Structures are given as structure tokens and as C-alpha cells.
Amino acid sequence: MEMRALGGQGLEVGAEGLGLMGMSAHYGATDETESLATIDRALELGVTLLDTAEGYGPFLNEQLLGKALAGRRDAAVVATKTGVEFTDEGALRGQNGSPEYIRSSADRSLRHLGTDHIDLYYLHRVDPNVPIEESVGAMAELVAAGKVRHIGLCEAAPATIARAHAVHPLAAVQTEYSLFERGIEYDGVLDTLRDLGIGLVAYSPLGRGFLSGAITTPDDFAADDFRRTDPRFLGENFDRNLAVVEQVRRLAKEKGVTPSQLALAWTLRQGAVPIPGTKRRRYLEENIAATAVTITDADLAAIDEVAPHGIVSGDRYAPELMRTLNG
């Protein structure tokens, strides 16, 4: 897998990363043995960017990654996140971008990861009650202390990104970006990243699995899978979105690739580093094969025709979570 620069701060990663959240939370049953084997295989295939957060579990996902990287820490670019507060017992308290919490949670993440530094440290959500300058200032202190190498934001508005970048250069912004979610092309985020030389990390590049083509009914989800409450997977929204997926499936078949590979190759063509999440080796291998798929201008035109901006039905999250976006 080719390496690519992520932003303009000297951070290099494999062209495609791996999202680890589903190995510990939100997507049904987990299997630590298979998860560890999947991380092993990802590293073998050239994946370097491994994405976690203290909130995934909480803490379980960071601990899993620490176990996977024991004795080979330098093989990976470890990305984790702060800004959503949890007690040490794992109780959720809500958004907290205060310098005090950022410093304490960074130390806790380092313990759970079993490392002395975090390669890419994100503010998971912007705290509306704390100026972004204060949050990023605390993250900059962690860089100066050697605990963090690079910093970034998740789900931030253009003005917030610019203000943060003025305090300390951002390596990356992580946001949802896929054939199902192209809002950053229209709300100024993508333009801001390009203007400031900040990398784009695309989470949910497969539309939370919808664009894989493997989901045909909401009954495919386990009882504890959060997609059972995701607006895009409910009622008429599900049927409308499935119709879009069928068109993506048709284009993929014509190109001789899987729907997942077409969707990921499209994201790569946009200059993003996608971090598709999976907890199984067979899906990982399918996803990584997308890095060898060439998306032509004709492919782009065909994809734009079947999956233009705004085609997806339903909000990205339930209402209470939607309010935490675009800070």
C-alpha cells in the first residue's frame, strides 16, 4: 500500500486506515481473538493509521489496541480522541473540552494504550462551552511535552477549524465522508482543509456498512447494534437508501469490483484517507484491495449521477447526537 502525507505537518500514513470502534462497541457482538488477528493482518498489508477513542467501550478499544501493539508500537500511527468526558469507571458525563480534562484524559489514554506517546490526538467533539483556543492550547501543551505528536479535530465547522489551526497547526480533521455523506463539499469544510493544508480522514466511508451492499433489511442488525436507532436505517429512509445502494452495486458490478471497493476507491480519489471499520479479516482484505482500484473521470460522472449530494434519506445520527456536530 502506498504511503501518503496526511496534512502538511510531516505525518505520513498508509493510503487507507482502519477504524477500530466496532471491535469493542456499537456494532453487535465482539470477538477479541478475531479483532487482534484483523489488526495483525492490517499491519501486514500496509495499514498504519489505527483509529480509536477513549469513548469506544469506553476504554476497551484503547486497551485492545495497546494489546495488539505490544512489542511493536512503532508499526502503527495511533490515533485516539478526547473531549467526551468519562469517569474512570466509564460513566458518560458529556462533552468536555476543558484543558484540565484534556490533560487528564490524555494521560489515561496513554496508560490504556500502553505507550508513551499518541501519534494523532483529536478533539472528538467541540465543546460549545469552551473556546476552541483553550482546548487546542491544551493539546499543543501535550505536543510540547512529547505526549502527542500531532493534533486534529473531529466534526468541526470551517471557522472553528481555522481558529484551531491558528493556535497550533492541525494535521487532520476527521469527519464523515462517503457516497452517502458529501456535505463537506458544500459547507466549506473541504475548502478550508485544502486552503490550510490539513489532511482529511473520512470515517464511515461505507455509510456504516450500507454501501457494502450486504445489508438488505434492518433485521440484519444485532439487537444491540446502534444502527437500529440510526435514522438512515429506519422505515422509509431505509428503503430509499437501499435503492441508492442498488445503483452503486450496479456500477461496481460493471467495473468488476465490490460495492465497498467502489465506495472506498471514490473516497481515496477525493484525496481523503478513509478509515473503514471492520472486525473481521475477510472484510479488511476486501477493503484494502480498493487501494488498487482506479476511479476514472467517467466513473466519477457515473457515481455523481446515482449518488449526488443530498440523495441519502435521514439524518446522520439521532437528534441528541446531531446537536454535537459542526462545532
C-alpha atoms as a PDB file:
ATOM      1  CA  MET A   1       0.000   0.000   0.000  1.00  0.00           C
ATOM      2  CA  GLU A   2       1.298   3.436  -0.883  1.00  0.00           C
ATOM      3  CA  MET A   3       2.045   5.957   1.831  1.00  0.00           C
ATOM      4  CA  ARG A   4       0.611   9.437   1.670  1.00  0.00           C
ATOM      5  CA  ALA A   5       1.078  12.673   3.555  1.00  0.00           C
ATOM      6  CA  LEU A   6      -1.744  13.435   5.963  1.00  0.00           C
ATOM      7  CA  GLY A   7      -1.776  17.207   6.056  1.00  0.00           C
ATOM      8  CA  GLY A   8       1.276  19.411   5.948  1.00  0.00           C
ATOM      9  CA  GLN A   9       2.850  18.675   9.324  1.00  0.00           C
ATOM     10  CA  GLY A  10       5.037  15.739   8.313  1.00  0.00           C
ATOM     11  CA  LEU A  11       2.636  12.932   9.228  1.00  0.00           C
ATOM     12  CA  GLU A  12       2.616  10.024   6.757  1.00  0.00           C
ATOM     13  CA  VAL A  13       0.181   7.113   6.788  1.00  0.00           C
ATOM     14  CA  GLY A  14      -0.903   4.248   4.597  1.00  0.00           C
ATOM     15  CA  ALA A  15      -3.440   5.356   1.998  1.00  0.00           C
ATOM     16  CA  GLU A  16      -6.210   3.541   3.884  1.00  0.00           C
ATOM     17  CA  GLY A  17      -6.530   3.247   7.645  1.00  0.00           C
ATOM     18  CA  LEU A  18      -8.595   1.081   9.944  1.00  0.00           C
ATOM     19  CA  GLY A  19     -11.376   2.173  12.282  1.00  0.00           C
ATOM     20  CA  LEU A  20     -11.397   0.018  15.410  1.00  0.00           C
ATOM     21  CA  MET A  21     -14.616   1.125  17.148  1.00  0.00           C
ATOM     22  CA  GLY A  22     -16.713  -1.863  16.102  1.00  0.00           C
ATOM     23  CA  MET A  23     -14.213  -4.235  17.678  1.00  0.00           C
ATOM     24  CA  SER A  24     -15.388  -3.069  21.103  1.00  0.00           C
ATOM     25  CA  ALA A  25     -18.674  -1.192  20.826  1.00  0.00           C
ATOM     26  CA  HIS A  26     -21.874  -0.266  18.977  1.00  0.00           C
ATOM     27  CA  TYR A  27     -21.875  -2.896  16.209  1.00  0.00           C
ATOM     28  CA  GLY A  28     -23.086  -6.060  17.903  1.00  0.00           C
ATOM     29  CA  ALA A  29     -21.071  -8.999  19.229  1.00  0.00           C
ATOM     30  CA  THR A  30     -17.301  -8.702  19.507  1.00  0.00           C
ATOM     31  CA  ASP A  31     -14.540 -11.293  19.276  1.00  0.00           C
ATOM     32  CA  GLU A  32     -11.184 -10.239  20.714  1.00  0.00           C
ATOM     33  CA  THR A  33      -9.269 -13.052  19.029  1.00  0.00           C
ATOM     34  CA  GLU A  34     -10.550 -12.147  15.573  1.00  0.00           C
ATOM     35  CA  SER A  35     -10.119  -8.432  16.278  1.00  0.00           C
ATOM     36  CA  LEU A  36      -6.465  -8.908  17.202  1.00  0.00           C
ATOM     37  CA  ALA A  37      -5.963 -11.063  14.109  1.00  0.00           C
ATOM     38  CA  THR A  38      -7.578  -8.339  11.996  1.00  0.00           C
ATOM     39  CA  ILE A  39      -5.198  -5.703  13.370  1.00  0.00           C
ATOM     40  CA  ASP A  40      -2.277  -8.074  12.691  1.00  0.00           C
ATOM     41  CA  ARG A  41      -3.411  -8.557   9.113  1.00  0.00           C
ATOM     42  CA  ALA A  42      -3.922  -4.831   8.605  1.00  0.00           C
ATOM     43  CA  LEU A  43      -0.328  -4.139   9.609  1.00  0.00           C
ATOM     44  CA  GLU A  44       0.884  -6.924   7.304  1.00  0.00           C
ATOM     45  CA  LEU A  45      -0.968  -5.315   4.385  1.00  0.00           C
ATOM     46  CA  GLY A  46       0.482  -1.852   4.940  1.00  0.00           C
ATOM     47  CA  VAL A  47      -2.185  -0.180   7.052  1.00  0.00           C
ATOM     48  CA  THR A  48      -0.548   2.160   9.543  1.00  0.00           C
ATOM     49  CA  LEU A  49      -3.310   4.514  10.769  1.00  0.00           C
ATOM     50  CA  LEU A  50      -5.270   2.754  13.516  1.00  0.00           C
ATOM     51  CA  ASP A  51      -8.161   4.824  14.855  1.00  0.00           C
ATOM     52  CA  THR A  52      -9.637   4.503  18.328  1.00  0.00           C
ATOM     53  CA  ALA A  53     -11.059   6.740  21.088  1.00  0.00           C
ATOM     54  CA  GLU A  54     -11.350   6.601  24.846  1.00  0.00           C
ATOM     55  CA  GLY A  55     -15.119   6.522  24.422  1.00  0.00           C
ATOM     56  CA  TYR A  56     -15.156   3.271  22.462  1.00  0.00           C
ATOM     57  CA  GLY A  57     -16.091   0.820  25.161  1.00  0.00           C
ATOM     58  CA  PRO A  58     -15.354   3.135  26.956  1.00  0.00           C
ATOM     59  CA  PHE A  59     -11.626   2.414  27.248  1.00  0.00           C
ATOM     60  CA  LEU A  60     -11.917  -1.171  25.959  1.00  0.00           C
ATOM     61  CA  ASN A  61     -10.906  -0.235  22.432  1.00  0.00           C
ATOM     62  CA  GLU A  62      -7.787   1.626  23.505  1.00  0.00           C
ATOM     63  CA  GLN A  63      -6.837  -1.322  25.699  1.00  0.00           C
ATOM     64  CA  LEU A  64      -7.380  -3.708  22.769  1.00  0.00           C
ATOM     65  CA  LEU A  65      -5.100  -1.622  20.561  1.00  0.00           C
ATOM     66  CA  GLY A  66      -2.484  -1.474  23.294  1.00  0.00           C
ATOM     67  CA  LYS A  67      -2.541  -5.265  23.481  1.00  0.00           C
ATOM     68  CA  ALA A  68      -2.296  -5.581  19.689  1.00  0.00           C
ATOM     69  CA  LEU A  69       0.734  -3.287  19.506  1.00  0.00           C
ATOM     70  CA  ALA A  70       2.658  -4.677  22.474  1.00  0.00           C
ATOM     71  CA  GLY A  71       6.263  -5.058  21.375  1.00  0.00           C
ATOM     72  CA  ARG A  72       5.743  -3.328  18.027  1.00  0.00           C
ATOM     73  CA  ARG A  73       4.443   0.137  18.853  1.00  0.00           C
ATOM     74  CA  ASP A  74       6.370   1.783  16.008  1.00  0.00           C
ATOM     75  CA  ALA A  75       4.494  -0.269  13.394  1.00  0.00           C
ATOM     76  CA  ALA A  76       1.397   1.931  13.724  1.00  0.00           C
ATOM     77  CA  VAL A  77       0.232   5.519  13.716  1.00  0.00           C
ATOM     78  CA  VAL A  78      -2.059   5.559  16.740  1.00  0.00           C
ATOM     79  CA  ALA A  79      -4.973   7.985  16.649  1.00  0.00           C
ATOM     80  CA  THR A  80      -7.252   8.468  19.630  1.00  0.00           C
ATOM     81  CA  LYS A  81      -9.638  11.139  20.881  1.00  0.00           C
ATOM     82  CA  THR A  82     -10.574  13.283  23.844  1.00  0.00           C
ATOM     83  CA  GLY A  83     -13.326  15.802  24.603  1.00  0.00           C
ATOM     84  CA  VAL A  84     -16.190  13.487  25.555  1.00  0.00           C
ATOM     85  CA  GLU A  85     -15.870  13.031  29.294  1.00  0.00           C
ATOM     86  CA  PHE A  86     -15.972   9.694  31.080  1.00  0.00           C
ATOM     87  CA  THR A  87     -15.250   8.891  34.681  1.00  0.00           C
ATOM     88  CA  ASP A  88     -12.550   6.329  35.402  1.00  0.00           C
ATOM     89  CA  GLU A  89     -15.403   3.875  35.933  1.00  0.00           C
ATOM     90  CA  GLY A  90     -16.690   4.561  32.392  1.00  0.00           C
ATOM     91  CA  ALA A  91     -19.725   6.708  33.185  1.00  0.00           C
ATOM     92  CA  LEU A  92     -20.503   9.256  30.476  1.00  0.00           C
ATOM     93  CA  ARG A  93     -20.638  12.873  31.609  1.00  0.00           C
ATOM     94  CA  GLY A  94     -20.945  14.641  28.238  1.00  0.00           C
ATOM     95  CA  GLN A  95     -18.764  16.959  26.207  1.00  0.00           C
ATOM     96  CA  ASN A  96     -15.760  18.432  27.980  1.00  0.00           C
ATOM     97  CA  GLY A  97     -13.110  20.325  26.058  1.00  0.00           C
ATOM     98  CA  SER A  98     -11.569  21.959  29.108  1.00  0.00           C
ATOM     99  CA  PRO A  99      -7.770  21.984  29.337  1.00  0.00           C
ATOM    100  CA  GLU A 100      -7.969  20.118  32.639  1.00  0.00           C
ATOM    101  CA  TYR A 101      -9.955  17.246  31.175  1.00  0.00           C
ATOM    102  CA  ILE A 102      -7.870  17.074  28.009  1.00  0.00           C
ATOM    103  CA  ARG A 103      -4.673  16.745  30.051  1.00  0.00           C
ATOM    104  CA  SER A 104      -6.077  14.090  32.377  1.00  0.00           C
ATOM    105  CA  SER A 105      -7.718  12.060  29.633  1.00  0.00           C
ATOM    106  CA  ALA A 106      -4.514  12.083  27.586  1.00  0.00           C
ATOM    107  CA  ASP A 107      -2.636  10.512  30.493  1.00  0.00           C
ATOM    108  CA  ARG A 108      -5.392   7.930  30.882  1.00  0.00           C
ATOM    109  CA  SER A 109      -5.280   7.100  27.162  1.00  0.00           C
ATOM    110  CA  LEU A 110      -1.530   6.664  27.318  1.00  0.00           C
ATOM    111  CA  ARG A 111      -1.989   4.156  30.145  1.00  0.00           C
ATOM    112  CA  HIS A 112      -4.686   2.229  28.322  1.00  0.00           C
ATOM    113  CA  LEU A 113      -2.696   2.185  25.079  1.00  0.00           C
ATOM    114  CA  GLY A 114       0.493   1.140  26.875  1.00  0.00           C
ATOM    115  CA  THR A 115       2.560   3.788  25.131  1.00  0.00           C
ATOM    116  CA  ASP A 116       4.437   6.982  25.898  1.00  0.00           C
ATOM    117  CA  HIS A 117       3.003   8.977  23.003  1.00  0.00           C
ATOM    118  CA  ILE A 118      -0.079   9.362  20.818  1.00  0.00           C
ATOM    119  CA  ASP A 119       0.653   9.980  17.148  1.00  0.00           C
ATOM    120  CA  LEU A 120      -2.581  11.830  16.338  1.00  0.00           C
ATOM    121  CA  TYR A 121      -4.772  13.226  19.092  1.00  0.00           C
ATOM    122  CA  TYR A 122      -8.216  14.502  18.139  1.00  0.00           C
ATOM    123  CA  LEU A 123     -10.759  16.622  19.933  1.00  0.00           C
ATOM    124  CA  HIS A 124     -13.649  14.184  19.459  1.00  0.00           C
ATOM    125  CA  ARG A 125     -16.316  16.871  19.608  1.00  0.00           C
ATOM    126  CA  VAL A 126     -16.010  20.627  20.025  1.00  0.00           C
ATOM    127  CA  ASP A 127     -17.293  21.744  23.426  1.00  0.00           C
ATOM    128  CA  PRO A 128     -19.626  24.746  22.880  1.00  0.00           C
ATOM    129  CA  ASN A 129     -18.850  25.946  26.407  1.00  0.00           C
ATOM    130  CA  VAL A 130     -15.067  26.107  25.965  1.00  0.00           C
ATOM    131  CA  PRO A 131     -13.349  28.365  23.416  1.00  0.00           C
ATOM    132  CA  ILE A 132     -11.600  26.227  20.833  1.00  0.00           C
ATOM    133  CA  GLU A 133      -8.423  28.181  21.520  1.00  0.00           C
ATOM    134  CA  GLU A 134      -8.361  26.831  25.083  1.00  0.00           C
ATOM    135  CA  SER A 135      -8.944  23.229  24.016  1.00  0.00           C
ATOM    136  CA  VAL A 136      -6.310  23.344  21.294  1.00  0.00           C
ATOM    137  CA  GLY A 137      -3.950  25.209  23.573  1.00  0.00           C
ATOM    138  CA  ALA A 138      -4.033  22.265  25.975  1.00  0.00           C
ATOM    139  CA  MET A 139      -3.425  19.852  23.101  1.00  0.00           C
ATOM    140  CA  ALA A 140      -0.476  21.986  21.988  1.00  0.00           C
ATOM    141  CA  GLU A 141       0.955  21.673  25.516  1.00  0.00           C
ATOM    142  CA  LEU A 142       0.777  17.889  25.140  1.00  0.00           C
ATOM    143  CA  VAL A 143       2.772  18.169  21.902  1.00  0.00           C
ATOM    144  CA  ALA A 144       5.388  20.298  23.649  1.00  0.00           C
ATOM    145  CA  ALA A 145       5.580  17.714  26.437  1.00  0.00           C
ATOM    146  CA  GLY A 146       6.179  14.879  23.941  1.00  0.00           C
ATOM    147  CA  LYS A 147       2.999  13.037  24.857  1.00  0.00           C
ATOM    148  CA  VAL A 148       1.360  13.786  21.481  1.00  0.00           C
ATOM    149  CA  ARG A 149       2.959  14.098  18.034  1.00  0.00           C
ATOM    150  CA  HIS A 150       0.134  15.669  16.005  1.00  0.00           C
ATOM    151  CA  ILE A 151      -3.329  17.046  16.734  1.00  0.00           C
ATOM    152  CA  GLY A 152      -6.655  17.251  14.933  1.00  0.00           C
ATOM    153  CA  LEU A 153     -10.374  17.910  15.266  1.00  0.00           C
ATOM    154  CA  CYS A 154     -13.447  15.817  14.549  1.00  0.00           C
ATOM    155  CA  GLU A 155     -16.691  17.156  13.102  1.00  0.00           C
ATOM    156  CA  ALA A 156     -15.812  20.850  13.223  1.00  0.00           C
ATOM    157  CA  ALA A 157     -17.110  23.860  11.290  1.00  0.00           C
ATOM    158  CA  PRO A 158     -14.842  25.832   8.928  1.00  0.00           C
ATOM    159  CA  ALA A 159     -14.437  28.825  11.246  1.00  0.00           C
ATOM    160  CA  THR A 160     -13.598  26.552  14.173  1.00  0.00           C
ATOM    161  CA  ILE A 161     -11.003  24.697  12.107  1.00  0.00           C
ATOM    162  CA  ALA A 162      -9.348  27.973  11.120  1.00  0.00           C
ATOM    163  CA  ARG A 163      -9.292  29.268  14.710  1.00  0.00           C
ATOM    164  CA  ALA A 164      -7.833  25.997  15.968  1.00  0.00           C
ATOM    165  CA  HIS A 165      -5.188  25.888  13.244  1.00  0.00           C
ATOM    166  CA  ALA A 166      -4.074  29.413  14.215  1.00  0.00           C
ATOM    167  CA  VAL A 167      -3.310  28.201  17.751  1.00  0.00           C
ATOM    168  CA  HIS A 168      -1.409  25.072  16.682  1.00  0.00           C
ATOM    169  CA  PRO A 169      -1.214  23.522  13.194  1.00  0.00           C
ATOM    170  CA  LEU A 170      -3.711  20.710  12.688  1.00  0.00           C
ATOM    171  CA  ALA A 171      -2.521  17.588  10.918  1.00  0.00           C
ATOM    172  CA  ALA A 172      -6.026  16.322  10.175  1.00  0.00           C
ATOM    173  CA  VAL A 173      -9.745  16.771  10.564  1.00  0.00           C
ATOM    174  CA  GLN A 174     -11.838  13.644  10.838  1.00  0.00           C
ATOM    175  CA  THR A 175     -15.406  13.776   9.600  1.00  0.00           C
ATOM    176  CA  GLU A 176     -17.974  11.544   7.965  1.00  0.00           C
ATOM    177  CA  TYR A 177     -17.432  11.454   4.216  1.00  0.00           C
ATOM    178  CA  SER A 178     -18.727   8.934   1.701  1.00  0.00           C
ATOM    179  CA  LEU A 179     -21.008   8.488  -1.273  1.00  0.00           C
ATOM    180  CA  PHE A 180     -23.812   8.807   1.293  1.00  0.00           C
ATOM    181  CA  GLU A 181     -22.448  11.903   3.031  1.00  0.00           C
ATOM    182  CA  ARG A 182     -20.899  14.627   0.904  1.00  0.00           C
ATOM    183  CA  GLY A 183     -21.830  17.655   2.993  1.00  0.00           C
ATOM    184  CA  ILE A 184     -18.235  18.827   3.484  1.00  0.00           C
ATOM    185  CA  GLU A 185     -18.034  19.517  -0.237  1.00  0.00           C
ATOM    186  CA  TYR A 186     -20.724  22.176   0.203  1.00  0.00           C
ATOM    187  CA  ASP A 187     -20.431  23.599   3.731  1.00  0.00           C
ATOM    188  CA  GLY A 188     -16.905  24.990   3.438  1.00  0.00           C
ATOM    189  CA  VAL A 189     -15.093  22.292   5.402  1.00  0.00           C
ATOM    190  CA  LEU A 190     -13.339  20.702   2.413  1.00  0.00           C
ATOM    191  CA  ASP A 191     -12.298  24.095   1.023  1.00  0.00           C
ATOM    192  CA  THR A 192     -10.930  25.113   4.419  1.00  0.00           C
ATOM    193  CA  LEU A 193      -8.876  21.929   4.737  1.00  0.00           C
ATOM    194  CA  ARG A 194      -7.404  22.416   1.285  1.00  0.00           C
ATOM    195  CA  ASP A 195      -6.648  26.096   1.892  1.00  0.00           C
ATOM    196  CA  LEU A 196      -4.878  25.393   5.190  1.00  0.00           C
ATOM    197  CA  GLY A 197      -3.116  22.194   4.152  1.00  0.00           C
ATOM    198  CA  ILE A 198      -4.952  19.998   6.668  1.00  0.00           C
ATOM    199  CA  GLY A 199      -5.493  16.308   5.963  1.00  0.00           C
ATOM    200  CA  LEU A 200      -8.941  14.743   5.682  1.00  0.00           C
ATOM    201  CA  VAL A 201      -9.674  11.471   7.468  1.00  0.00           C
ATOM    202  CA  ALA A 202     -13.007  10.018   6.344  1.00  0.00           C
ATOM    203  CA  TYR A 203     -14.888   7.927   8.877  1.00  0.00           C
ATOM    204  CA  SER A 204     -17.877   5.779   7.886  1.00  0.00           C
ATOM    205  CA  PRO A 205     -16.707   5.770   4.246  1.00  0.00           C
ATOM    206  CA  LEU A 206     -19.058   2.823   3.695  1.00  0.00           C
ATOM    207  CA  GLY A 207     -22.087   4.591   5.135  1.00  0.00           C
ATOM    208  CA  ARG A 208     -21.945   2.488   8.326  1.00  0.00           C
ATOM    209  CA  GLY A 209     -21.943  -0.623   6.198  1.00  0.00           C
ATOM    210  CA  PHE A 210     -24.850   0.346   3.944  1.00  0.00           C
ATOM    211  CA  LEU A 211     -22.565   0.885   0.940  1.00  0.00           C
ATOM    212  CA  SER A 212     -21.109  -2.600   1.301  1.00  0.00           C
ATOM    213  CA  GLY A 213     -24.270  -3.932  -0.319  1.00  0.00           C
ATOM    214  CA  ALA A 214     -24.512  -6.626   2.347  1.00  0.00           C
ATOM    215  CA  ILE A 215     -27.366  -5.013   4.290  1.00  0.00           C
ATOM    216  CA  THR A 216     -30.791  -5.727   2.834  1.00  0.00           C
ATOM    217  CA  THR A 217     -33.061  -5.407   5.866  1.00  0.00           C
ATOM    218  CA  PRO A 218     -32.854  -3.817   9.333  1.00  0.00           C
ATOM    219  CA  ASP A 219     -33.228  -7.353  10.662  1.00  0.00           C
ATOM    220  CA  ASP A 220     -29.599  -7.906   9.605  1.00  0.00           C
ATOM    221  CA  PHE A 221     -28.536  -5.964  12.715  1.00  0.00           C
ATOM    222  CA  ALA A 222     -27.935  -7.470  16.143  1.00  0.00           C
ATOM    223  CA  ALA A 223     -30.245  -6.319  18.911  1.00  0.00           C
ATOM    224  CA  ASP A 224     -27.533  -4.085  20.415  1.00  0.00           C
ATOM    225  CA  ASP A 225     -26.344  -2.625  17.088  1.00  0.00           C
ATOM    226  CA  PHE A 226     -26.736   1.160  17.245  1.00  0.00           C
ATOM    227  CA  ARG A 227     -27.850   1.260  13.610  1.00  0.00           C
ATOM    228  CA  ARG A 228     -31.262   0.107  14.809  1.00  0.00           C
ATOM    229  CA  THR A 229     -31.707   3.720  16.006  1.00  0.00           C
ATOM    230  CA  ASP A 230     -29.865   5.425  13.135  1.00  0.00           C
ATOM    231  CA  PRO A 231     -32.379   7.476  11.087  1.00  0.00           C
ATOM    232  CA  ARG A 232     -30.899   6.303   7.796  1.00  0.00           C
ATOM    233  CA  PHE A 233     -31.741   2.703   8.627  1.00  0.00           C
ATOM    234  CA  LEU A 234     -35.316   3.314   9.756  1.00  0.00           C
ATOM    235  CA  GLY A 235     -38.627   2.971   7.905  1.00  0.00           C
ATOM    236  CA  GLU A 236     -38.943   4.651   4.535  1.00  0.00           C
ATOM    237  CA  ASN A 237     -35.423   6.048   4.830  1.00  0.00           C
ATOM    238  CA  PHE A 238     -34.053   2.515   4.732  1.00  0.00           C
ATOM    239  CA  ASP A 239     -35.968   1.675   1.548  1.00  0.00           C
ATOM    240  CA  ARG A 240     -34.943   4.892  -0.214  1.00  0.00           C
ATOM    241  CA  ASN A 241     -31.298   4.459   0.735  1.00  0.00           C
ATOM    242  CA  LEU A 242     -31.309   0.811  -0.274  1.00  0.00           C
ATOM    243  CA  ALA A 243     -32.403   1.921  -3.742  1.00  0.00           C
ATOM    244  CA  VAL A 244     -29.309   4.133  -3.954  1.00  0.00           C
ATOM    245  CA  VAL A 245     -27.118   1.251  -2.837  1.00  0.00           C
ATOM    246  CA  GLU A 246     -28.580  -0.894  -5.614  1.00  0.00           C
ATOM    247  CA  GLN A 247     -27.370   1.677  -8.144  1.00  0.00           C
ATOM    248  CA  VAL A 248     -23.915   1.692  -6.565  1.00  0.00           C
ATOM    249  CA  ARG A 249     -23.947  -2.107  -6.687  1.00  0.00           C
ATOM    250  CA  ARG A 250     -24.748  -1.945 -10.407  1.00  0.00           C
ATOM    251  CA  LEU A 251     -21.824   0.393 -11.113  1.00  0.00           C
ATOM    252  CA  ALA A 252     -19.480  -1.789  -9.070  1.00  0.00           C
ATOM    253  CA  LYS A 253     -20.528  -4.902 -10.967  1.00  0.00           C
ATOM    254  CA  GLU A 254     -19.897  -3.158 -14.287  1.00  0.00           C
ATOM    255  CA  LYS A 255     -16.411  -2.230 -13.082  1.00  0.00           C
ATOM    256  CA  GLY A 256     -15.687  -5.702 -11.722  1.00  0.00           C
ATOM    257  CA  VAL A 257     -15.294  -4.643  -8.099  1.00  0.00           C
ATOM    258  CA  THR A 258     -17.407  -4.918  -4.963  1.00  0.00           C
ATOM    259  CA  PRO A 259     -19.648  -2.039  -3.822  1.00  0.00           C
ATOM    260  CA  SER A 260     -17.325  -1.481  -0.843  1.00  0.00           C
ATOM    261  CA  GLN A 261     -14.308  -1.232  -3.107  1.00  0.00           C
ATOM    262  CA  LEU A 262     -16.032   1.249  -5.406  1.00  0.00           C
ATOM    263  CA  ALA A 263     -17.087   3.430  -2.477  1.00  0.00           C
ATOM    264  CA  LEU A 264     -13.633   3.375  -0.892  1.00  0.00           C
ATOM    265  CA  ALA A 265     -11.833   3.997  -4.170  1.00  0.00           C
ATOM    266  CA  TRP A 266     -14.073   7.021  -4.725  1.00  0.00           C
ATOM    267  CA  THR A 267     -13.123   8.379  -1.285  1.00  0.00           C
ATOM    268  CA  LEU A 268      -9.436   7.825  -1.999  1.00  0.00           C
ATOM    269  CA  ARG A 269      -9.819   9.662  -5.319  1.00  0.00           C
ATOM    270  CA  GLN A 270     -11.107  12.684  -3.372  1.00  0.00           C
ATOM    271  CA  GLY A 271      -7.802  12.854  -1.501  1.00  0.00           C
ATOM    272  CA  ALA A 272      -9.122  11.551   1.811  1.00  0.00           C
ATOM    273  CA  VAL A 273      -7.657   8.816   3.983  1.00  0.00           C
ATOM    274  CA  PRO A 274     -10.649   6.553   4.666  1.00  0.00           C
ATOM    275  CA  ILE A 275     -10.782   4.527   7.875  1.00  0.00           C
ATOM    276  CA  PRO A 276     -13.396   1.851   7.186  1.00  0.00           C
ATOM    277  CA  GLY A 277     -14.240  -0.063  10.312  1.00  0.00           C
ATOM    278  CA  THR A 278     -14.291  -3.820  10.394  1.00  0.00           C
ATOM    279  CA  LYS A 279     -13.668  -6.536  12.950  1.00  0.00           C
ATOM    280  CA  ARG A 280     -13.048  -9.373  10.503  1.00  0.00           C
ATOM    281  CA  ARG A 281     -10.061 -10.156   8.304  1.00  0.00           C
ATOM    282  CA  ARG A 282     -12.071 -11.057   5.216  1.00  0.00           C
ATOM    283  CA  TYR A 283     -13.725  -7.647   5.073  1.00  0.00           C
ATOM    284  CA  LEU A 284     -10.428  -5.935   5.830  1.00  0.00           C
ATOM    285  CA  GLU A 285      -8.793  -7.620   2.853  1.00  0.00           C
ATOM    286  CA  GLU A 286     -11.687  -6.664   0.593  1.00  0.00           C
ATOM    287  CA  ASN A 287     -11.472  -3.063   1.756  1.00  0.00           C
ATOM    288  CA  ILE A 288      -7.718  -2.777   1.311  1.00  0.00           C
ATOM    289  CA  ALA A 289      -7.999  -4.076  -2.248  1.00  0.00           C
ATOM    290  CA  ALA A 290      -9.788  -0.810  -3.017  1.00  0.00           C
ATOM    291  CA  THR A 291      -6.430   0.985  -2.921  1.00  0.00           C
ATOM    292  CA  ALA A 292      -5.596  -0.738  -6.222  1.00  0.00           C
ATOM    293  CA  VAL A 293      -8.848   0.347  -7.931  1.00  0.00           C
ATOM    294  CA  THR A 294      -8.594   3.263 -10.349  1.00  0.00           C
ATOM    295  CA  ILE A 295     -11.540   5.658 -10.488  1.00  0.00           C
ATOM    296  CA  THR A 296     -11.669   7.362 -13.881  1.00  0.00           C
ATOM    297  CA  ASP A 297     -13.378  10.612 -14.759  1.00  0.00           C
ATOM    298  CA  ALA A 298     -16.113   8.546 -16.409  1.00  0.00           C
ATOM    299  CA  ASP A 299     -16.544   6.607 -13.165  1.00  0.00           C
ATOM    300  CA  LEU A 300     -16.840   9.860 -11.226  1.00  0.00           C
ATOM    301  CA  ALA A 301     -19.551  11.095 -13.567  1.00  0.00           C
ATOM    302  CA  ALA A 302     -21.491   7.840 -13.275  1.00  0.00           C
ATOM    303  CA  ILE A 303     -21.207   7.876  -9.480  1.00  0.00           C
ATOM    304  CA  ASP A 304     -22.296  11.514  -9.303  1.00  0.00           C
ATOM    305  CA  GLU A 305     -25.377  10.604 -11.297  1.00  0.00           C
ATOM    306  CA  VAL A 306     -26.539   7.860  -8.936  1.00  0.00           C
ATOM    307  CA  ALA A 307     -25.229   9.292  -5.653  1.00  0.00           C
ATOM    308  CA  PRO A 308     -25.270  13.095  -5.803  1.00  0.00           C
ATOM    309  CA  HIS A 309     -25.096  15.290  -2.734  1.00  0.00           C
ATOM    310  CA  GLY A 310     -28.355  15.081  -0.793  1.00  0.00           C
ATOM    311  CA  ILE A 311     -29.513  11.752  -2.210  1.00  0.00           C
ATOM    312  CA  VAL A 312     -29.432   9.970   1.138  1.00  0.00           C
ATOM    313  CA  SER A 313     -32.585   9.971   3.280  1.00  0.00           C
ATOM    314  CA  GLY A 314     -32.404  10.689   7.015  1.00  0.00           C
ATOM    315  CA  ASP A 315     -30.020  12.492   9.334  1.00  0.00           C
ATOM    316  CA  ARG A 316     -26.625  11.034  10.127  1.00  0.00           C
ATOM    317  CA  TYR A 317     -27.466  10.465  13.796  1.00  0.00           C
ATOM    318  CA  ALA A 318     -30.369  10.557  16.214  1.00  0.00           C
ATOM    319  CA  PRO A 319     -31.325  14.142  17.242  1.00  0.00           C
ATOM    320  CA  GLU A 320     -29.363  14.233  20.509  1.00  0.00           C
ATOM    321  CA  LEU A 321     -26.161  13.312  18.673  1.00  0.00           C
ATOM    322  CA  MET A 322     -26.817  15.625  15.732  1.00  0.00           C
ATOM    323  CA  ARG A 323     -26.560  18.529  18.160  1.00  0.00           C
ATOM    324  CA  THR A 324     -22.912  17.679  18.870  1.00  0.00           C
ATOM    325  CA  LEU A 325     -21.818  18.080  15.229  1.00  0.00           C
ATOM    326  CA  ASN A 326     -20.281  21.034  13.385  1.00  0.00           C
ATOM    327  CA  GLY A 327     -18.985  22.810  16.466  1.00  0.00           C
END
